[in-house]
């Protein structure tokens, strides 16, 4: 019995415990929560390892503010889109704040994801056995950048229109699949009313769903494989040194088995290594 179990429980606490036990007995939610949240982390873990969680928090903020903006936004190319943005900014209560958080949050999310992937690359955290963690992270970076592209057009002013025209033309100039990608993004051969609806649906439905899916996969690999140790970790350096010693020992044994090979004393390379450390 733990300290928190001492003393009578009020009816609310009893009802909450009974509900949790009822759900856990049928779904194993307690076990899953412990597996996801409570795990060992390597020594030397620092704030640099929180960049991924920061990106996930920013994505949550983008989802919430995006839902609020979607309640007032009108994807109309005849002036309705731009007027709805003006209405959100100037008339809706706290609309300027919500739109500002969504606008600058997109830039913050791209920057944080870039910093997170740079940290993973510099620390070598993409290596075995975390290759799939790296692949899902790279997909999240591409989706984040594409979400920024599709959201930029929704203001439907001159700057957003021509910037998107340039971006789509770059995609369309790619060999083989480029023209098909351009037609899909434009919703036809030219920019028009259907283009805004296409970008709005991709921005609101397709990309957030894909990002949520890859975040789930990314978190699963992180929980299953653990957090990688920093390059200066003594334990990591010791493991890498032992692996290198094992590879060299295997190479020596293989060389001995070759016909006509020179059999050096088995202790010589190890002693030479120890002298250099």
Protein backbone atom coordinates (compact mmCIF):
# COMPACT_ATOMS: atom_id res chain seq x y z
CA UNK A 1 0.00 0.00 0.00
CA UNK A 2 1.39 3.37 -0.96
CA UNK A 3 1.02 6.64 0.93
CA UNK A 4 -1.65 7.91 -1.44
CA UNK A 5 -3.84 4.88 -0.61
CA UNK A 6 -4.03 5.82 3.11
CA UNK A 7 -7.28 7.41 4.26
CA UNK A 8 -10.85 7.33 2.94
CA UNK A 9 -11.57 8.29 -0.66
CA UNK A 10 -14.30 10.72 -1.62
CA UNK A 11 -17.09 9.58 -3.98
CA UNK A 12 -15.57 11.40 -6.96
CA UNK A 13 -12.22 9.67 -6.51
CA UNK A 14 -13.91 6.31 -6.04
CA UNK A 15 -15.92 6.80 -9.22
CA UNK A 16 -12.83 7.84 -11.16
CA UNK A 17 -10.83 4.83 -9.93
CA UNK A 18 -13.71 2.48 -10.76
CA UNK A 19 -14.01 3.92 -14.26
CA UNK A 20 -10.26 3.64 -14.89
CA UNK A 21 -10.22 0.05 -13.60
CA UNK A 22 -13.24 -0.81 -15.78
CA UNK A 23 -11.52 0.58 -18.91
CA UNK A 24 -8.13 -0.91 -18.02
CA UNK A 25 -9.57 -4.40 -17.48
CA UNK A 26 -10.94 -4.36 -21.03
CA UNK A 27 -8.28 -2.38 -22.87
CA UNK A 28 -5.03 -2.51 -20.89
CA UNK A 29 -4.77 1.28 -20.98
CA UNK A 30 -2.70 1.43 -17.78
CA UNK A 31 -0.10 -0.95 -19.17
CA UNK A 32 0.03 0.95 -22.44
CA UNK A 33 0.42 4.27 -20.63
CA UNK A 34 3.25 2.93 -18.47
CA UNK A 35 4.96 1.48 -21.57
CA UNK A 36 4.67 4.81 -23.39
CA UNK A 37 5.51 7.29 -20.62
CA UNK A 38 7.67 5.51 -18.06
CA UNK A 39 10.95 4.24 -19.49
CA UNK A 40 14.66 4.59 -18.86
CA UNK A 41 16.55 7.37 -20.61
CA UNK A 42 20.31 7.46 -21.17
CA UNK A 43 22.62 9.42 -18.92
CA UNK A 44 23.56 12.79 -20.35
CA UNK A 45 20.15 13.49 -21.88
CA UNK A 46 19.77 17.26 -22.30
CA UNK A 47 17.33 19.86 -23.57
CA UNK A 48 18.50 19.16 -27.13
CA UNK A 49 16.45 15.94 -27.00
CA UNK A 50 13.24 17.93 -26.39
CA UNK A 51 13.18 19.51 -29.86
CA UNK A 52 11.03 16.67 -31.22
CA UNK A 53 8.48 17.08 -28.44
CA UNK A 54 8.53 20.84 -29.05
CA UNK A 55 7.67 20.25 -32.71
CA UNK A 56 4.77 17.99 -31.66
CA UNK A 57 3.44 20.66 -29.28
CA UNK A 58 3.63 23.29 -32.04
CA UNK A 59 1.74 20.93 -34.36
CA UNK A 60 -0.98 20.60 -31.73
CA UNK A 61 -1.19 24.38 -31.49
CA UNK A 62 -1.41 24.59 -35.29
CA UNK A 63 -4.24 22.06 -35.30
CA UNK A 64 -6.24 23.95 -32.67
CA UNK A 65 -5.79 27.38 -34.23
CA UNK A 66 -6.44 25.93 -37.68
CA UNK A 67 -9.78 24.50 -36.57
CA UNK A 68 -10.80 27.90 -35.18
CA UNK A 69 -9.76 29.67 -38.39
CA UNK A 70 -11.64 27.12 -40.52
CA UNK A 71 -14.88 28.13 -38.78
CA UNK A 72 -14.66 31.59 -40.37
CA UNK A 73 -12.61 31.04 -43.54
CA UNK A 74 -14.39 31.04 -46.92
CA UNK A 75 -12.42 29.42 -49.81
CA UNK A 76 -13.84 31.77 -52.46
CA UNK A 77 -11.69 33.18 -55.26
CA UNK A 78 -14.10 36.05 -55.96
CA UNK A 79 -12.87 38.00 -52.96
CA UNK A 80 -14.49 35.88 -50.27
CA UNK A 81 -11.23 34.28 -49.13
CA UNK A 82 -9.40 37.56 -48.64
CA UNK A 83 -12.42 39.21 -47.01
CA UNK A 84 -12.81 36.31 -44.60
CA UNK A 85 -9.16 36.75 -43.57
CA UNK A 86 -9.79 40.44 -42.97
CA UNK A 87 -12.91 39.59 -40.98
CA UNK A 88 -10.98 37.13 -38.81
CA UNK A 89 -8.22 39.66 -38.20
CA UNK A 90 -10.34 42.75 -37.54
CA UNK A 91 -13.79 41.62 -36.39
CA UNK A 92 -13.60 38.22 -34.68
CA UNK A 93 -12.81 38.36 -30.95
CA UNK A 94 -9.14 37.46 -30.50
CA UNK A 95 -9.08 36.61 -34.20
CA UNK A 96 -5.89 38.56 -34.75
CA UNK A 97 -4.20 36.51 -32.04
CA UNK A 98 -5.39 33.15 -33.38
CA UNK A 99 -4.35 34.03 -36.92
CA UNK A 100 -0.98 35.34 -35.74
CA UNK A 101 -0.33 32.17 -33.74
CA UNK A 102 -1.20 30.05 -36.78
CA UNK A 103 0.83 32.16 -39.19
CA UNK A 104 4.02 32.35 -37.13
CA UNK A 105 3.51 28.88 -35.70
CA UNK A 106 3.99 27.46 -39.19
CA UNK A 107 7.43 29.07 -39.43
CA UNK A 108 8.32 28.00 -35.89
CA UNK A 109 7.34 24.40 -36.64
CA UNK A 110 9.53 24.22 -39.76
CA UNK A 111 12.49 25.73 -37.88
CA UNK A 112 12.10 23.38 -34.90
CA UNK A 113 11.79 20.29 -37.13
CA UNK A 114 14.94 21.36 -39.02
CA UNK A 115 16.82 21.82 -35.74
CA UNK A 116 15.59 18.46 -34.48
CA UNK A 117 16.77 16.63 -37.59
CA UNK A 118 20.08 18.51 -37.54
CA UNK A 119 20.63 17.37 -33.95
CA UNK A 120 19.81 13.77 -34.88
CA UNK A 121 22.20 13.90 -37.86
CA UNK A 122 25.10 15.50 -35.97
CA UNK A 123 24.77 13.09 -33.05
CA UNK A 124 24.51 10.08 -35.37
CA UNK A 125 21.15 9.05 -33.90
CA UNK A 126 19.95 7.89 -37.34
CA UNK A 127 22.23 4.84 -37.32
CA UNK A 128 21.32 1.23 -36.51
CA UNK A 129 18.83 0.37 -35.16
CA UNK A 130 17.02 3.70 -35.61
CA UNK A 131 16.90 3.93 -39.42
CA UNK A 132 13.09 3.78 -39.54
CA UNK A 133 12.88 6.51 -36.89
CA UNK A 134 14.98 8.68 -39.20
CA UNK A 135 12.83 7.85 -42.25
CA UNK A 136 9.57 8.73 -40.49
CA UNK A 137 11.18 11.95 -39.24
CA UNK A 138 12.25 12.87 -42.78
CA UNK A 139 8.70 12.28 -43.98
CA UNK A 140 7.42 14.58 -41.24
CA UNK A 141 9.83 17.30 -42.39
CA UNK A 142 8.57 17.05 -45.99
CA UNK A 143 4.94 17.08 -44.84
CA UNK A 144 5.59 20.11 -42.63
CA UNK A 145 7.11 22.05 -45.53
CA UNK A 146 4.25 21.02 -47.83
CA UNK A 147 1.73 22.13 -45.23
CA UNK A 148 3.37 25.55 -45.20
CA UNK A 149 3.15 25.72 -48.99
CA UNK A 150 -0.54 24.80 -49.17
CA UNK A 151 -1.45 27.18 -46.36
CA UNK A 152 0.35 30.12 -47.95
CA UNK A 153 -2.13 30.32 -50.84
CA UNK A 154 -5.22 30.48 -48.64
CA UNK A 155 -4.88 34.24 -48.05
CA UNK A 156 -5.47 34.63 -51.81
CA UNK A 157 -3.68 37.94 -52.27
CA UNK A 158 -1.18 38.83 -54.99
CA UNK A 159 1.89 37.75 -53.04
CA UNK A 160 0.41 34.38 -52.06
CA UNK A 161 -0.95 33.75 -55.57
CA UNK A 162 2.26 34.37 -57.50
CA UNK A 163 4.49 32.68 -54.93
CA UNK A 164 2.34 29.55 -55.23
CA UNK A 165 2.39 29.78 -59.04
CA UNK A 166 6.20 29.73 -58.93
CA UNK A 167 6.28 26.82 -56.48
CA UNK A 168 3.80 24.71 -58.48
CA UNK A 169 5.68 25.43 -61.72
CA UNK A 170 8.86 24.15 -60.09
CA UNK A 171 7.08 20.91 -59.20
CA UNK A 172 5.62 20.68 -62.71
CA UNK A 173 9.06 21.06 -64.31
CA UNK A 174 10.29 17.81 -62.76
CA UNK A 175 10.84 14.98 -65.28
CA UNK A 176 8.24 12.26 -65.93
CA UNK A 177 5.90 12.82 -62.93
CA UNK A 178 6.25 16.60 -62.78
CA UNK A 179 3.39 17.52 -65.16
CA UNK A 180 1.01 15.14 -63.39
CA UNK A 181 1.92 16.60 -59.98
CA UNK A 182 1.35 20.10 -61.35
CA UNK A 183 -2.11 19.17 -62.66
CA UNK A 184 -3.03 17.58 -59.33
CA UNK A 185 -1.97 20.65 -57.35
CA UNK A 186 -3.66 23.10 -59.73
CA UNK A 187 -6.76 20.91 -60.03
CA UNK A 188 -6.43 21.38 -63.80
CA UNK A 189 -4.10 22.88 -66.39
CA UNK A 190 -4.36 26.43 -65.01
CA UNK A 191 -4.84 28.19 -61.68
CA UNK A 192 -8.47 28.90 -60.90
CA UNK A 193 -11.24 28.57 -58.32
CA UNK A 194 -10.71 24.81 -58.08
CA UNK A 195 -7.04 25.39 -57.17
CA UNK A 196 -7.94 27.21 -53.96
CA UNK A 197 -10.38 24.46 -52.96
CA UNK A 198 -7.73 21.83 -53.75
CA UNK A 199 -5.10 23.54 -51.60
CA UNK A 200 -7.62 24.12 -48.81
CA UNK A 201 -8.65 20.46 -48.68
CA UNK A 202 -5.03 19.27 -48.80
CA UNK A 203 -4.03 21.74 -46.09
CA UNK A 204 -6.96 20.95 -43.81
CA UNK A 205 -7.49 17.22 -44.31
CA UNK A 206 -4.75 15.33 -46.14
CA UNK A 207 -1.58 16.74 -44.62
CA UNK A 208 -2.73 16.89 -40.95
CA UNK A 209 -3.92 13.29 -41.20
CA UNK A 210 -0.61 12.20 -42.72
CA UNK A 211 1.39 14.13 -40.09
CA UNK A 212 -0.64 12.58 -37.25
CA UNK A 213 -0.05 9.11 -38.73
CA UNK A 214 3.70 9.57 -39.06
CA UNK A 215 3.92 11.13 -35.58
CA UNK A 216 2.32 7.96 -34.22
CA UNK A 217 4.83 5.77 -36.08
CA UNK A 218 7.70 8.03 -35.03
CA UNK A 219 6.72 7.84 -31.36
CA UNK A 220 6.30 4.07 -31.55
CA UNK A 221 9.86 3.63 -32.86
CA UNK A 222 11.22 6.04 -30.24
CA UNK A 223 9.50 4.20 -27.38
CA UNK A 224 10.45 0.77 -28.73
CA UNK A 225 14.10 1.56 -29.51
CA UNK A 226 14.73 4.19 -26.85
CA UNK A 227 16.47 7.54 -27.01
CA UNK A 228 19.95 7.52 -28.49
CA UNK A 229 22.82 8.44 -26.24
CA UNK A 230 24.81 11.63 -26.91
CA UNK A 231 28.18 11.26 -28.66
CA UNK A 232 30.11 12.09 -25.46
CA UNK A 233 28.39 9.35 -23.43
CA UNK A 234 31.02 7.15 -21.75
CA UNK A 235 28.78 4.11 -22.08
CA UNK A 236 28.34 4.73 -25.82
CA UNK A 237 32.08 5.21 -26.33
CA UNK A 238 32.79 2.00 -24.40
CA UNK A 239 30.28 0.02 -26.49
CA UNK A 240 31.67 1.41 -29.75
CA UNK A 241 35.22 0.57 -28.60
CA UNK A 242 34.21 -2.99 -27.67
CA UNK A 243 32.47 -3.42 -31.05
CA UNK A 244 35.59 -2.21 -32.84
CA UNK A 245 37.74 -4.61 -30.81
CA UNK A 246 35.40 -7.48 -31.73
CA UNK A 247 35.60 -6.58 -35.44
CA UNK A 248 39.39 -6.47 -35.34
CA UNK A 249 39.55 -9.78 -33.48
CA UNK A 250 37.26 -11.37 -36.08
CA UNK A 251 39.45 -9.97 -38.87
CA UNK A 252 42.58 -11.47 -37.23
CA UNK A 253 40.91 -14.88 -36.91
CA UNK A 254 39.83 -14.72 -40.54
CA UNK A 255 43.37 -13.78 -41.64
CA UNK A 256 44.84 -16.72 -39.72
CA UNK A 257 42.58 -19.13 -41.56
CA UNK A 258 43.80 -17.96 -44.98
CA UNK A 259 46.53 -20.15 -46.55
CA UNK A 260 49.97 -18.55 -46.57
CA UNK A 261 49.03 -15.87 -44.06
CA UNK A 262 51.46 -14.65 -41.42
CA UNK A 263 50.33 -15.54 -37.90
CA UNK A 264 51.10 -12.55 -35.69
CA UNK A 265 50.84 -13.02 -31.95
CA UNK A 266 47.20 -12.68 -30.98
CA UNK A 267 48.00 -10.28 -28.15
CA UNK A 268 50.04 -7.82 -30.25
CA UNK A 269 47.25 -5.76 -31.87
CA UNK A 270 45.29 -5.52 -28.60
CA UNK A 271 48.38 -4.44 -26.64
CA UNK A 272 49.14 -1.85 -29.32
CA UNK A 273 45.60 -0.56 -29.09
CA UNK A 274 45.74 -0.31 -25.31
CA UNK A 275 49.00 1.63 -25.55
CA UNK A 276 47.40 4.22 -27.80
CA UNK A 277 44.33 4.83 -25.59
